[in-house]
Structure formats: C-alpha cells, structure tokens
Amino acid sequence: MQAVTKKRLIISLIAIASVIVFVGVFLGVYALAVAFCETTITLDTTKKYQTFEGFGASSAWIYQDMDRLDASEQDEVSELLYGDSGLMLNTFRYNIGGGSNEIGGYGEGSLNGTNSYFIAERFTGDYSVFADESNYDFTKCAVVDSMFEQALAKGNIESVVFFANSPHYLMTKNGKTHGEVEYDNNLKEEAYGAFSDYLLVSVNYLYENIICKYDPDIKVYISPVNEPQWKWGGASASQEGCHYDPEPLGKFYDVFYDRLTEYNAENGTDYIMDIFECGKYQMIFSSANVKEYMNELSKYDWFENVDNISVHSYGADNSKFDKSVFFDYMSKDFADKTISVTEYCVLEFGVDKTMDMGVYNAQTILRDLKYLNAVSWSWWLGVSQGDYEDGLVYWNTTEDGGNVINKYKRYYVLGQFSRYIPSGSVRIEAGYSDFMSFNGVECVAFQRPDGSIALVVINDSGLSHDIKIKGDFDNVTQIVTDENVNWDSKEFAYSGKVSVSPMSVTTFILS
C-alpha cells in the first residue's frame, strides 16, 4: 500500500509539473508572439457604456498666493489648465475654506490654511448669522476669485464643484479646522444648519457675481465633506480636514439636503449636492470602510435623488483589480448611481518628470474610465509648489525672486485625454486582441458628440507596436506624447495599421 501511495504521489507531481511547464511554455510563446506581431483593436459603437462629463483640477491652497505672479504669468497658468492651447479642463474645483488662516493657519510659510468670507466678529453664539450675507466680506478671497474668473474667461468650463475640507472653525468642537484628536467628529451637531448656510451663501455669491458673468448655465455642485474616513486630527494635522463617522455624516447630509432644496426653491437656483468624496474606494484590505458609509447614507430618502457618488483614486492608483471590485459592488448594490473620480495625485515626495510617471498616471486615468466607468475625472492640485507629486503645473521661484512655470509629462498625458474627449462623449467597446496585455498596450475609446472616435492607447513597453484598428473610419489624426515629444500631431489617411512608440500615450481621432 505504501508503494502504491508513493507511486500515485510521484505521478501526481509529474502531472502538476507537466502542467506548469506547459503553461509556462504557452505563456512564453504567447508573450513572444504578441511582443513582435501586429495586434488588433476592434471598435464597436453598438456597445456603449458611460457618458462622459469632463476633466478637472482643484484650486486649493496655492491659488491664494498667486498675486505674487504678474498678470501675464497668471494668464499663462490659466491658459495651461483651462485654455484651448492647454489642457482644456472643463471642471473647476473651488475650495471653500474653513478660515484657518484667521487662527494661525498651518505653520509659517504653509499655504494649506484658507481664508473665509465670513466676518468672525459677527458671531456671538447665534448660528443664524451665517445665513445673512451681510455678515460676509466678499473681498477676503480676492486672489482666488481673480484666478477663478480668469479660468472661466477661457470659455471651456462647464461645471464648478465647490468643496470644503472642513467646516468654518467657529462651528467645530475645538475651534480649529481639524480635530483635537484623530478620528474626532469635529463638526458640532447644532452647527449642521449653520455650515449648510455658510456654504450656500458663499456659493451663491460666487455664482451670481462671477459665474453668471460668463455662463449662467454652468452646472454648480456643492460638496460639503471631503474624505470623511480619514483621521484629520491630532498634533500631526497639517491641513484643514474633518472626520465624520457614517452616522454623523448621514445626519449632516440630511440637514444639508433639506437646506439646499429649500434654498433652490426660494432663490430659483439649481445647485446640486455632491457626495461623498470617498478618500479611497478600495474594497479589499482597506481601512476606508466604503460599505459602512454607503449603507448608512442609503438609509435616507434623499439618497434616491443623488445620481452620482464621488470618489478619490488614492490607494487604488492604476490597479485594475481595485477598480473592478468597486464597480462590481456599485453595480450590484447601487446600480442607479454613476461614479466620478474627483481627486487623485501620486502621494510621494520628489517630482518625477519622466515618461515613466507619465505612463503611470495615464494608466490610472484610463483604468478609472474603463474599469470604474467614471463619468468625470479630476486631478488634485492644478498648481503646486515644491517637490511633491501633487501638481499639474508647477510654480517655483528662482534665487533672484523670479517666477518659473513648469509642466512635466503627467501634464501632457492628461492632455491626451482632456483635449480630445469632450463632455457628451460616450465610451464604446474597444477590444484588444492581446487579451492578456503581454505587449504592454491597452486602450479606451469614446464616440464624440460629432460622431468621430477618440481612441487613447498606452504602450508601457520598451518596444514600438503596429496595431490594426477595425472600425468604420477613413481618416486619422494621431497625437503622441512619449519621452521625446509632447502632443506631437499629424493627420493621414488610414492605410490598415498605425504604430505606437515605446513608453507612450497616443490619441487617435478616427473620422
């Protein structure tokens, strides 16, 4: 019996080894074949997915210091982000501050504090003063508002999201714009209504006095809470932020939604509540507790009237798995909600100017569009300073006090999407014959409102690849960003195949 058992074990091991060898050989041959052979992208306009609304970036922090730039430099920044020669972003994310600069900010030289419009001396304990716009000084954020107006003047902005990282410090338990301790629910319950009024008065001023000068039909969203899961407190706090447990968050949104609905009815406005700026949508091995928050919010009647859930791509980054898991969860439990990615950057020190970082960022964007079905996508800071991976445009000063405006590969790869996928574009099926992505190529395609197709192809390999595109088109405009060029464009008649260069992001406009 023992000999028979040993024999069976040996046979089993040989069988397993044979399978492993076979699979290894198959994958090796497959990888070698796709690395050097022509592959095919098949476009199918009958298979449609999400309708896309646009790309954006945030004006937080740095914008309040931009009076140090002269008029031409300010215009250069606005053009780079929102102009026709720049990224053509159509979403502006405006930070409604909690007023931390009035109580010392976040350290000498830090720009992470904010001003607020409210005149603090008018508050003597009665929170109703926040509903009266005569208690506001609308010159206190003049620099930010000037940059906001310059962006609107470019003519491409279609939506504005007014977001708050913290309630006004007069409404918090500790009188600060971050918690006294980590994970402290810092907003006073009796101030829920006051915080709602503070946002509505501030937003309405900006709408009537700035937005309406350019286009009163611009969509206006108000996002009162930002990344509620995180700790936002304690001695290490370095920026405005407010933690909310699921239950307090639901209660606050309940008050805010009622105030917003009443305000819209009384003033003829159409402001939209945006929730819940989830700090991380990872479902597996994550402390984000997305399900707990979604389950709590879904208990309220107003939740049925919310069409979209906003999330941040921190942690998920370029992971197909994390994006697919979250989308499957939303499709199963909240199928009536779309998903917007409203914030992302690479949380690392040291600005990587290379195409390696460009391709990494492009993969994050493409996979959010393809696997998360994101209906909009925004980067974190439009303008940054220093040596951190959070900006699209970098403003730094020289030794003689001059200003230098820089942009790197991540800027250009975002433009490969934002310049060519306008609002109203619909994602269509783009099947790729290298289904295992061994050759480093992946793609996403949108049918644009004019009927043409924007196909974005990423190649993260060190080899160029010939690709056959199957679809109904004759002419091609090809725009390339790689290690050597930025937005390099050419037009040609389609002859049966196209080529993508090594470590590149290429947009094809097919008509």
Protein backbone atom coordinates (compact mmCIF):
# COMPACT_ATOMS: atom_id res chain seq x y z
CA MET A 1 0.00 0.00 0.00
CA GLN A 2 2.80 2.37 0.86
CA ALA A 3 4.49 1.76 -2.51
CA VAL A 4 1.22 2.41 -4.35
CA THR A 5 0.72 5.67 -2.45
CA LYS A 6 4.25 6.80 -3.28
CA LYS A 7 3.71 5.91 -6.93
CA ARG A 8 0.48 7.90 -7.06
CA LEU A 9 2.20 10.85 -5.41
CA ILE A 10 5.03 10.75 -7.94
CA ILE A 11 2.55 10.54 -10.83
CA SER A 12 0.60 13.49 -9.40
CA LEU A 13 3.75 15.56 -9.00
CA ILE A 14 4.82 14.75 -12.55
CA ALA A 15 1.38 15.76 -13.82
CA ILE A 16 1.46 19.05 -11.92
CA ALA A 17 4.97 19.77 -13.11
CA SER A 18 3.92 19.00 -16.69
CA VAL A 19 1.01 21.43 -16.45
CA ILE A 20 3.26 24.13 -15.02
CA VAL A 21 5.81 23.59 -17.79
CA PHE A 22 3.07 23.60 -20.44
CA VAL A 23 1.52 26.80 -19.11
CA GLY A 24 4.93 28.40 -18.83
CA VAL A 25 5.86 27.46 -22.38
CA PHE A 26 2.46 28.63 -23.65
CA LEU A 27 2.73 31.97 -21.90
CA GLY A 28 6.30 32.40 -23.07
CA VAL A 29 5.40 31.70 -26.68
CA TYR A 30 2.30 33.92 -26.38
CA ALA A 31 4.29 36.78 -24.86
CA LEU A 32 6.96 36.48 -27.55
CA ALA A 33 4.35 36.43 -30.29
CA VAL A 34 2.38 39.47 -29.13
CA ALA A 35 5.54 41.41 -28.41
CA PHE A 36 6.56 41.37 -32.05
CA CYS A 37 3.37 40.70 -34.01
CA GLU A 38 0.70 43.10 -35.19
CA THR A 39 -2.30 43.19 -32.89
CA THR A 40 -5.84 44.40 -33.43
CA ILE A 41 -8.17 46.87 -31.74
CA THR A 42 -11.81 46.30 -32.64
CA LEU A 43 -14.12 49.27 -32.12
CA ASP A 44 -17.82 48.56 -31.64
CA THR A 45 -20.08 51.62 -31.45
CA THR A 46 -23.12 49.44 -30.71
CA LYS A 47 -21.71 48.61 -27.28
CA LYS A 48 -21.97 51.79 -25.22
CA TYR A 49 -21.04 52.49 -21.62
CA GLN A 50 -20.91 55.74 -19.60
CA THR A 51 -21.50 59.22 -20.99
CA PHE A 52 -18.52 61.32 -20.03
CA GLU A 53 -18.76 64.79 -18.48
CA GLY A 54 -15.17 66.01 -18.42
CA PHE A 55 -11.86 66.56 -16.68
CA GLY A 56 -10.87 68.99 -13.94
CA ALA A 57 -8.48 70.06 -11.20
CA SER A 58 -8.59 71.77 -7.82
CA SER A 59 -7.76 75.38 -6.98
CA ALA A 60 -6.90 74.62 -3.35
CA TRP A 61 -4.07 76.23 -1.40
CA ILE A 62 -1.63 77.64 -3.95
CA TYR A 63 -4.19 79.85 -5.67
CA GLN A 64 -4.47 82.16 -2.66
CA ASP A 65 -0.82 83.16 -3.09
CA MET A 66 -0.89 83.80 -6.80
CA ASP A 67 -0.98 87.58 -6.53
CA ARG A 68 2.80 87.15 -6.44
CA LEU A 69 2.58 86.41 -10.16
CA ASP A 70 2.21 89.27 -12.60
CA ALA A 71 -0.82 89.45 -14.90
CA SER A 72 0.85 87.64 -17.81
CA GLU A 73 2.06 84.82 -15.55
CA GLN A 74 -1.40 84.41 -14.04
CA ASP A 75 -2.88 84.21 -17.52
CA GLU A 76 -0.25 81.67 -18.52
CA VAL A 77 -1.29 79.40 -15.66
CA SER A 78 -4.98 79.73 -16.52
CA GLU A 79 -4.31 79.03 -20.18
CA LEU A 80 -2.20 75.96 -19.37
CA LEU A 81 -5.05 74.44 -17.37
CA TYR A 82 -8.26 75.74 -18.94
CA GLY A 83 -7.36 77.30 -22.29
CA ASP A 84 -7.58 75.95 -25.82
CA SER A 85 -3.80 75.68 -26.09
CA GLY A 86 -3.60 73.90 -22.72
CA LEU A 87 -5.47 71.03 -21.08
CA MET A 88 -8.91 72.48 -21.87
CA LEU A 89 -10.20 71.30 -18.47
CA ASN A 90 -13.94 71.87 -18.21
CA THR A 91 -14.38 71.35 -14.44
CA PHE A 92 -13.13 73.83 -11.85
CA ARG A 93 -12.96 72.60 -8.24
CA TYR A 94 -13.15 75.61 -5.93
CA ASN A 95 -12.14 75.16 -2.27
CA ILE A 96 -14.50 76.87 0.22
CA GLY A 97 -12.15 77.36 3.16
CA GLY A 98 -12.78 76.94 6.85
CA GLY A 99 -10.94 80.15 7.76
CA SER A 100 -7.89 78.54 9.35
CA ASN A 101 -5.64 81.44 8.32
CA GLU A 102 -7.59 83.63 10.75
CA ILE A 103 -6.44 81.47 13.67
CA GLY A 104 -2.81 80.87 12.73
CA GLY A 105 -3.03 78.57 9.72
CA TYR A 106 -0.73 75.56 9.47
CA GLY A 107 2.74 76.86 10.14
CA GLU A 108 4.94 79.61 8.83
CA GLY A 109 5.12 79.60 5.04
CA SER A 110 2.39 76.97 4.71
CA LEU A 111 -0.35 77.55 2.15
CA ASN A 112 -2.53 74.75 3.50
CA GLY A 113 -4.66 77.16 5.51
CA THR A 114 -7.50 79.16 3.96
CA ASN A 115 -9.43 82.36 4.25
CA SER A 116 -13.21 82.55 4.53
CA TYR A 117 -15.72 85.20 3.56
CA PHE A 118 -17.45 85.20 6.95
CA ILE A 119 -16.69 88.09 9.34
CA ALA A 120 -15.84 86.23 12.55
CA GLU A 121 -16.66 89.17 14.83
CA ARG A 122 -20.33 88.90 13.82
CA PHE A 123 -20.66 85.55 15.58
CA THR A 124 -21.55 85.82 19.27
CA GLY A 125 -23.06 82.37 19.73
CA ASP A 126 -26.12 82.63 17.49
CA TYR A 127 -25.52 80.43 14.43
CA SER A 128 -28.29 82.11 12.45
CA VAL A 129 -25.81 84.86 11.48
CA PHE A 130 -24.28 82.51 8.91
CA ALA A 131 -27.45 82.71 6.81
CA ASP A 132 -27.19 86.51 6.46
CA GLU A 133 -24.90 87.55 3.62
CA SER A 134 -24.43 90.99 5.21
CA ASN A 135 -22.14 89.17 7.68
CA TYR A 136 -19.73 88.28 4.90
CA ASP A 137 -16.84 90.23 3.41
CA PHE A 138 -16.58 89.11 -0.19
CA THR A 139 -13.18 90.71 -0.73
CA LYS A 140 -11.38 88.30 1.60
CA CYS A 141 -10.64 85.70 -1.11
CA ALA A 142 -9.92 88.18 -3.89
CA VAL A 143 -6.82 86.43 -5.25
CA VAL A 144 -8.53 83.05 -5.59
CA ASP A 145 -11.61 84.67 -7.10
CA SER A 146 -9.49 86.53 -9.64
CA MET A 147 -7.85 83.28 -10.76
CA PHE A 148 -11.29 81.63 -10.84
CA GLU A 149 -12.55 84.37 -13.12
CA GLN A 150 -9.54 84.06 -15.40
CA ALA A 151 -10.23 80.34 -15.76
CA LEU A 152 -13.90 80.97 -16.59
CA ALA A 153 -12.89 83.54 -19.18
CA LYS A 154 -11.15 80.82 -21.20
CA GLY A 155 -14.61 79.59 -22.19
CA ASN A 156 -14.21 75.86 -21.60
CA ILE A 157 -15.60 75.43 -18.07
CA GLU A 158 -18.95 73.65 -17.95
CA SER A 159 -19.17 72.72 -14.26
CA VAL A 160 -17.86 74.04 -10.96
CA VAL A 161 -17.58 71.95 -7.80
CA PHE A 162 -17.41 73.97 -4.58
CA PHE A 163 -15.88 71.68 -1.96
CA ALA A 164 -14.98 72.07 1.71
CA ASN A 165 -12.29 70.21 3.62
CA SER A 166 -13.53 71.45 6.99
CA PRO A 167 -16.44 73.44 8.39
CA HIS A 168 -15.70 77.00 9.48
CA TYR A 169 -13.67 76.94 12.69
CA LEU A 170 -16.49 78.69 14.58
CA MET A 171 -18.65 75.60 14.05
CA THR A 172 -16.23 72.95 15.30
CA LYS A 173 -15.91 71.40 18.75
CA ASN A 174 -12.33 72.57 19.28
CA GLY A 175 -12.46 75.85 17.35
CA LYS A 176 -9.99 74.52 14.77
CA THR A 177 -10.24 73.25 11.21
CA HIS A 178 -9.02 69.80 12.22
CA GLY A 179 -9.90 67.52 15.12
CA GLU A 180 -8.33 67.80 18.56
CA VAL A 181 -7.65 64.07 18.37
CA GLU A 182 -7.58 61.66 15.48
CA TYR A 183 -10.94 60.48 14.13
CA ASP A 184 -12.83 63.14 16.08
CA ASN A 185 -16.23 64.10 14.65
CA ASN A 186 -15.34 67.76 14.90
CA LEU A 187 -18.47 69.47 13.50
CA LYS A 188 -20.92 70.42 16.25
CA GLU A 189 -24.32 68.86 15.67
CA GLU A 190 -26.03 72.16 16.50
CA ALA A 191 -23.98 73.77 13.69
CA TYR A 192 -25.15 71.46 10.89
CA GLY A 193 -27.55 74.10 9.64
CA ALA A 194 -25.04 76.93 10.01
CA PHE A 195 -22.44 75.05 7.98
CA SER A 196 -25.06 74.48 5.29
CA ASP A 197 -25.91 78.19 5.26
CA TYR A 198 -22.22 79.13 5.16
CA LEU A 199 -21.72 77.07 2.03
CA LEU A 200 -24.90 78.25 0.33
CA VAL A 201 -24.23 81.96 0.92
CA SER A 202 -20.61 81.65 -0.25
CA VAL A 203 -21.50 79.63 -3.34
CA ASN A 204 -24.40 81.89 -4.29
CA TYR A 205 -22.16 84.95 -4.19
CA LEU A 206 -19.64 83.27 -6.47
CA TYR A 207 -22.37 82.11 -8.82
CA GLU A 208 -24.14 85.44 -9.13
CA ASN A 209 -21.06 87.68 -9.22
CA ILE A 210 -18.53 85.60 -11.12
CA ILE A 211 -20.01 82.55 -12.87
CA CYS A 212 -23.02 84.39 -14.29
CA LYS A 213 -20.73 86.92 -15.97
CA TYR A 214 -19.59 84.11 -18.25
CA ASP A 215 -22.30 81.46 -18.41
CA PRO A 216 -25.25 81.17 -16.01
CA ASP A 217 -25.90 77.63 -17.28
CA ILE A 218 -22.67 76.26 -15.82
CA LYS A 219 -23.54 73.37 -13.51
CA VAL A 220 -22.87 74.13 -9.85
CA TYR A 221 -22.16 71.34 -7.37
CA ILE A 222 -21.64 71.74 -3.62
CA SER A 223 -19.54 69.11 -1.87
CA PRO A 224 -19.61 69.84 1.90
CA VAL A 225 -17.46 66.90 3.03
CA ASN A 226 -14.09 65.69 1.81
CA GLU A 227 -12.58 62.29 2.67
CA PRO A 228 -14.65 61.72 5.84
CA GLN A 229 -13.00 58.37 6.62
CA TRP A 230 -9.59 59.79 7.47
CA LYS A 231 -8.34 60.83 10.90
CA TRP A 232 -8.00 64.61 10.28
CA GLY A 233 -6.86 65.40 13.78
CA GLY A 234 -4.20 65.40 16.44
CA ALA A 235 -0.86 67.13 16.74
CA SER A 236 0.29 66.00 13.30
CA ALA A 237 -2.56 67.72 11.41
CA SER A 238 -1.09 69.82 8.60
CA GLN A 239 -4.17 70.92 6.65
CA GLU A 240 -7.89 71.50 7.02
CA GLY A 241 -9.94 68.34 7.37
CA CYS A 242 -12.88 66.91 9.26
CA HIS A 243 -13.61 63.29 10.10
CA TYR A 244 -17.18 62.00 10.09
CA ASP A 245 -18.28 58.58 11.24
CA PRO A 246 -21.01 57.13 8.99
CA GLU A 247 -23.91 58.05 11.27
CA PRO A 248 -22.96 61.74 11.82
CA LEU A 249 -22.22 62.03 8.12
CA GLY A 250 -25.69 60.81 7.20
CA LYS A 251 -27.30 63.18 9.71
CA PHE A 252 -25.35 66.16 8.40
CA TYR A 253 -26.17 65.38 4.75
CA ASP A 254 -29.83 65.10 5.77
CA VAL A 255 -29.77 68.66 7.12
CA PHE A 256 -27.74 69.97 4.20
CA TYR A 257 -30.01 68.41 1.59
CA ASP A 258 -33.08 69.99 3.20
CA ARG A 259 -31.40 73.42 3.36
CA LEU A 260 -30.18 73.07 -0.25
CA THR A 261 -33.62 72.07 -1.53
CA GLU A 262 -35.25 74.97 0.31
CA TYR A 263 -32.60 77.42 -0.92
CA ASN A 264 -33.02 76.35 -4.54
CA ALA A 265 -36.79 76.73 -4.31
CA GLU A 266 -36.61 80.20 -2.74
CA ASN A 267 -33.88 81.59 -5.00
CA GLY A 268 -34.53 79.90 -8.32
CA THR A 269 -31.11 78.23 -8.25
CA ASP A 270 -30.26 74.69 -9.24
CA TYR A 271 -27.29 73.80 -7.04
CA ILE A 272 -26.56 70.08 -6.75
CA MET A 273 -25.34 68.15 -3.69
CA ASP A 274 -22.19 66.10 -4.33
CA ILE A 275 -21.36 63.15 -2.03
CA PHE A 276 -19.21 61.81 -0.50
CA GLU A 277 -15.69 62.43 -1.78
CA CYS A 278 -14.68 58.96 -0.57
CA GLY A 279 -10.98 59.09 0.29
CA LYS A 280 -10.26 55.61 -1.04
CA TYR A 281 -12.61 53.25 -2.86
CA GLN A 282 -10.54 50.10 -2.34
CA MET A 283 -12.80 47.33 -1.06
CA ILE A 284 -10.20 44.66 -0.21
CA PHE A 285 -7.58 45.01 2.55
CA SER A 286 -8.55 48.65 3.13
CA SER A 287 -9.47 50.76 6.15
CA ALA A 288 -11.70 53.02 4.05
CA ASN A 289 -14.94 51.30 5.17
CA VAL A 290 -16.74 52.26 1.99
CA LYS A 291 -19.61 49.84 2.59
CA GLU A 292 -20.34 51.22 6.06
CA TYR A 293 -20.64 54.74 4.70
CA MET A 294 -22.73 53.76 1.68
CA ASN A 295 -25.06 51.62 3.78
CA GLU A 296 -25.63 54.47 6.22
CA LEU A 297 -26.24 57.12 3.56
CA SER A 298 -28.64 54.86 1.66
CA LYS A 299 -31.00 54.81 4.67
CA TYR A 300 -32.15 58.36 3.92
CA ASP A 301 -34.94 59.32 1.50
CA TRP A 302 -32.80 61.99 -0.17
CA PHE A 303 -30.29 59.34 -1.24
CA GLU A 304 -32.65 58.29 -4.03
CA ASN A 305 -32.28 61.77 -5.52
CA VAL A 306 -28.49 61.58 -5.63
CA ASP A 307 -27.36 60.45 -9.08
CA ASN A 308 -23.63 60.22 -8.56
CA ILE A 309 -21.06 59.09 -5.98
CA SER A 310 -17.70 60.89 -5.97
CA VAL A 311 -14.54 59.03 -5.02
CA HIS A 312 -10.79 59.57 -4.91
CA SER A 313 -8.35 57.16 -6.53
CA TYR A 314 -5.72 57.23 -3.79
CA GLY A 315 -4.55 53.74 -2.93
CA ALA A 316 -6.20 52.19 -5.96
CA ASP A 317 -3.88 54.11 -8.30
CA ASN A 318 -3.57 52.07 -11.52
CA SER A 319 -4.96 48.79 -10.11
CA LYS A 320 -7.45 47.14 -12.48
CA PHE A 321 -8.47 44.82 -9.65
CA ASP A 322 -9.43 47.55 -7.17
CA LYS A 323 -11.38 49.45 -9.80
CA SER A 324 -13.24 46.36 -10.99
CA VAL A 325 -14.14 45.26 -7.46
CA PHE A 326 -15.58 48.66 -6.57
CA PHE A 327 -17.50 48.93 -9.82
CA ASP A 328 -18.96 45.46 -9.32
CA TYR A 329 -20.05 46.46 -5.82
CA MET A 330 -21.69 49.65 -7.06
CA SER A 331 -23.34 47.86 -9.99
CA LYS A 332 -24.85 45.29 -7.67
CA ASP A 333 -25.95 47.45 -4.71
CA PHE A 334 -26.28 50.96 -6.21
CA ALA A 335 -26.88 50.45 -9.90
CA ASP A 336 -28.69 53.79 -10.25
CA LYS A 337 -25.58 55.80 -9.26
CA THR A 338 -22.78 56.87 -11.57
CA ILE A 339 -19.21 57.27 -10.29
CA SER A 340 -16.97 60.35 -10.53
CA VAL A 341 -13.29 60.44 -9.67
CA THR A 342 -12.88 63.87 -8.11
CA GLU A 343 -9.34 63.74 -6.77
CA TYR A 344 -6.07 61.97 -7.40
CA CYS A 345 -2.33 62.54 -7.22
CA VAL A 346 0.72 60.41 -6.52
CA LEU A 347 1.39 60.65 -2.80
CA GLU A 348 5.17 60.80 -2.96
CA PHE A 349 7.94 63.33 -2.44
CA GLY A 350 10.14 64.16 -5.39
CA VAL A 351 8.64 65.39 -8.66
CA ASP A 352 9.15 62.68 -11.28
CA LYS A 353 9.40 64.47 -14.61
CA THR A 354 9.86 61.34 -16.72
CA MET A 355 7.66 59.42 -19.09
CA ASP A 356 7.62 56.55 -16.60
CA MET A 357 5.49 58.72 -14.31
CA GLY A 358 3.51 59.95 -17.29
CA VAL A 359 2.57 56.41 -18.30
CA TYR A 360 1.73 55.50 -14.69
CA ASN A 361 -0.64 58.46 -14.43
CA ALA A 362 -2.14 57.66 -17.82
CA GLN A 363 -2.86 54.09 -16.69
CA THR A 364 -4.65 55.42 -13.60
CA ILE A 365 -6.85 57.67 -15.73
CA LEU A 366 -7.55 55.09 -18.44
CA ARG A 367 -8.40 52.36 -15.95
CA ASP A 368 -10.69 54.64 -13.96
CA LEU A 369 -12.53 55.33 -17.21
CA LYS A 370 -12.56 51.72 -18.36
CA TYR A 371 -12.93 49.59 -15.23
CA LEU A 372 -14.60 52.08 -12.87
CA ASN A 373 -16.81 53.60 -15.59
CA ALA A 374 -16.00 57.07 -14.23
CA VAL A 375 -18.21 59.78 -15.74
CA SER A 376 -15.72 62.54 -14.84
CA TRP A 377 -12.12 62.68 -13.66
CA SER A 378 -10.18 65.36 -11.76
CA TRP A 379 -6.58 65.71 -10.68
CA TRP A 380 -5.85 67.15 -7.23
CA LEU A 381 -3.90 70.43 -7.48
CA GLY A 382 -3.98 72.38 -10.72
CA VAL A 383 -0.97 74.36 -9.46
CA SER A 384 1.63 73.18 -6.96
CA GLN A 385 4.86 74.40 -5.43
CA GLY A 386 7.82 72.50 -4.06
CA ASP A 387 8.84 68.90 -4.54
CA TYR A 388 5.72 66.78 -4.16
CA GLU A 389 3.82 64.72 -6.73
CA ASP A 390 0.53 66.62 -6.49
CA GLY A 391 0.52 69.23 -9.27
CA LEU A 392 -0.20 69.53 -12.97
CA VAL A 393 1.55 72.90 -13.29
CA TYR A 394 4.48 73.77 -11.01
CA TRP A 395 5.15 77.33 -9.94
CA ASN A 396 8.54 77.82 -8.33
CA THR A 397 10.69 80.83 -7.58
CA THR A 398 14.30 81.42 -8.61
CA GLU A 399 17.09 82.68 -6.37
CA ASP A 400 16.57 86.22 -7.61
CA GLY A 401 12.87 86.10 -6.76
CA GLY A 402 11.60 85.45 -10.26
CA ASN A 403 8.83 83.00 -11.12
CA VAL A 404 9.16 79.85 -13.19
CA ILE A 405 6.13 77.95 -14.52
CA ASN A 406 6.88 74.31 -15.38
CA LYS A 407 4.94 71.34 -16.67
CA TYR A 408 6.08 67.75 -16.98
CA LYS A 409 4.99 64.52 -18.61
CA ARG A 410 1.96 63.96 -16.36
CA TYR A 411 0.59 67.27 -17.62
CA TYR A 412 0.91 66.19 -21.23
CA VAL A 413 -0.54 62.70 -20.75
CA LEU A 414 -3.63 64.17 -19.07
CA GLY A 415 -3.96 66.35 -22.16
CA GLN A 416 -4.00 63.20 -24.29
CA PHE A 417 -7.40 62.58 -22.67
CA SER A 418 -8.77 66.00 -21.69
CA ARG A 419 -8.13 67.75 -25.01
CA TYR A 420 -9.80 65.06 -27.10
CA ILE A 421 -12.64 63.57 -25.01
CA PRO A 422 -15.20 66.38 -24.67
CA SER A 423 -18.28 66.27 -22.48
CA GLY A 424 -21.06 64.23 -24.04
CA SER A 425 -18.66 61.61 -25.39
CA VAL A 426 -19.79 58.02 -24.86
CA ARG A 427 -17.38 55.21 -24.09
CA ILE A 428 -17.63 52.38 -26.58
CA GLU A 429 -16.22 48.87 -26.73
CA ALA A 430 -12.56 48.72 -27.72
CA GLY A 431 -11.50 45.09 -27.79
CA TYR A 432 -7.79 44.32 -27.98
CA SER A 433 -6.51 41.07 -29.42
CA ASP A 434 -3.73 40.80 -26.83
CA PHE A 435 -6.28 39.99 -24.15
CA MET A 436 -3.57 39.33 -21.53
CA SER A 437 -1.82 42.67 -22.19
CA PHE A 438 1.55 40.99 -22.51
CA ASN A 439 2.83 43.53 -25.01
CA GLY A 440 2.15 46.46 -22.71
CA VAL A 441 -0.60 48.00 -24.81
CA GLU A 442 -4.07 48.94 -23.52
CA CYS A 443 -6.74 51.28 -24.81
CA VAL A 444 -10.03 53.06 -24.20
CA ALA A 445 -12.33 54.62 -26.81
CA PHE A 446 -15.09 57.25 -26.82
CA GLN A 447 -17.50 58.26 -29.54
CA ARG A 448 -17.53 62.04 -29.50
CA PRO A 449 -20.65 64.19 -29.99
CA ASP A 450 -19.67 64.86 -33.63
CA GLY A 451 -19.58 61.11 -34.34
CA SER A 452 -15.80 60.76 -34.53
CA ILE A 453 -13.96 58.39 -32.20
CA ALA A 454 -11.19 59.25 -29.74
CA LEU A 455 -9.05 56.19 -29.09
CA VAL A 456 -6.37 56.52 -26.39
CA VAL A 457 -3.64 53.89 -26.50
CA ILE A 458 -0.99 53.42 -23.80
CA ASN A 459 2.19 51.49 -24.53
CA ASP A 460 4.23 50.87 -21.38
CA SER A 461 6.75 48.59 -23.07
CA GLY A 462 10.17 49.41 -24.48
CA LEU A 463 9.11 48.37 -27.99
CA SER A 464 7.05 50.09 -30.65
CA HIS A 465 3.95 48.19 -31.82
CA ASP A 466 1.96 48.07 -35.03
CA ILE A 467 -1.78 47.97 -34.46
CA LYS A 468 -4.65 47.30 -36.82
CA ILE A 469 -7.78 49.23 -35.90
CA LYS A 470 -11.05 47.68 -37.06
CA GLY A 471 -13.89 50.17 -37.38
CA ASP A 472 -15.80 52.45 -39.73
CA PHE A 473 -13.42 55.34 -40.49
CA ASP A 474 -11.06 56.61 -43.18
CA ASN A 475 -9.03 59.45 -41.72
CA VAL A 476 -6.76 59.55 -38.67
CA THR A 477 -5.34 62.34 -36.56
CA GLN A 478 -2.58 60.98 -34.33
CA ILE A 479 -1.37 62.84 -31.23
CA VAL A 480 1.62 61.43 -29.33
CA THR A 481 3.35 62.08 -26.03
CA ASP A 482 6.44 60.00 -25.31
CA GLU A 483 9.95 60.55 -24.00
CA ASN A 484 10.85 62.73 -26.97
CA VAL A 485 7.68 64.65 -27.92
CA ASN A 486 4.62 66.27 -26.34
CA TRP A 487 1.28 66.38 -28.17
CA ASP A 488 3.02 65.73 -31.48
CA SER A 489 0.22 65.72 -34.05
CA LYS A 490 -0.16 64.52 -37.64
CA GLU A 491 -3.04 63.61 -39.94
CA PHE A 492 -3.17 60.85 -42.53
CA ALA A 493 -5.50 58.54 -44.42
CA TYR A 494 -5.83 55.17 -42.73
CA SER A 495 -3.88 52.52 -44.64
CA GLY A 496 -4.60 49.49 -42.48
CA LYS A 497 -2.45 49.96 -39.43
CA VAL A 498 -0.99 52.52 -37.02
CA SER A 499 2.09 52.44 -34.83
CA VAL A 500 2.66 53.41 -31.19
CA SER A 501 6.12 54.31 -29.94
CA PRO A 502 7.77 52.85 -26.80
CA MET A 503 6.61 54.23 -23.44
CA SER A 504 3.96 56.43 -24.99
CA VAL A 505 0.41 57.68 -24.77
CA THR A 506 -1.19 58.12 -28.19
CA THR A 507 -4.61 59.53 -29.03
CA PHE A 508 -6.16 58.66 -32.38
CA ILE A 509 -9.07 60.73 -33.67
CA LEU A 510 -10.86 58.50 -36.18
CA SER A 511 -13.36 60.00 -38.60
